[in-house]
Amino acid sequence: MPDEFAADVASAQATLLTRPDQVRALVAAGKPVLWAGTDAPDRPTAPEAGIPAAGDMTGSPRVGVWIDKNDFLHQELTTDGRYDETRGGRPHAYEGRYWIDGDRIDYLDDLGFWAFGEFQDEELHHAGYAMRLG
């Protein structure tokens, strides 16, 4: 990404999550994941070993598409315990598995990184965004 968006590790991580259009290349486990702003062929995914199944979410009131107030972030939680995130109109920006325990949601992205969020009343709070079920 351009230097002005990656002055330090924290800034680079923030850019990766909030301005994916500025990411020129991304490498995970020594292999290109994004190159020139698009998915690299044969991109790596998270390892399966030791990672529990998410479980069946059929009937959960939290399944569906969550959308932030500015329509920038769309996060679809599916009944098979998977999520698919669109950011800034970029479909499939982040995909992976999720687990819900009470009001906490944990994510394991297919690239291998973890994130979390929290359900508060009728909103899902994640990565600085507050989303409502669409």
Foldseek 3Di string as FASTA:
>chain_A
DDCVQPVDPVSVVLCLVAPVQPDQWDDFPRHTQHHRSHGDPPHAFADDPPDDFQDFQPPPPPAAWWAFPVRQWIWGQHRRQKIWIHGNNRTRSWIFGWHDDPQKIWTQTGSGDIFIWGDDPQWIGGSNTTIGGD
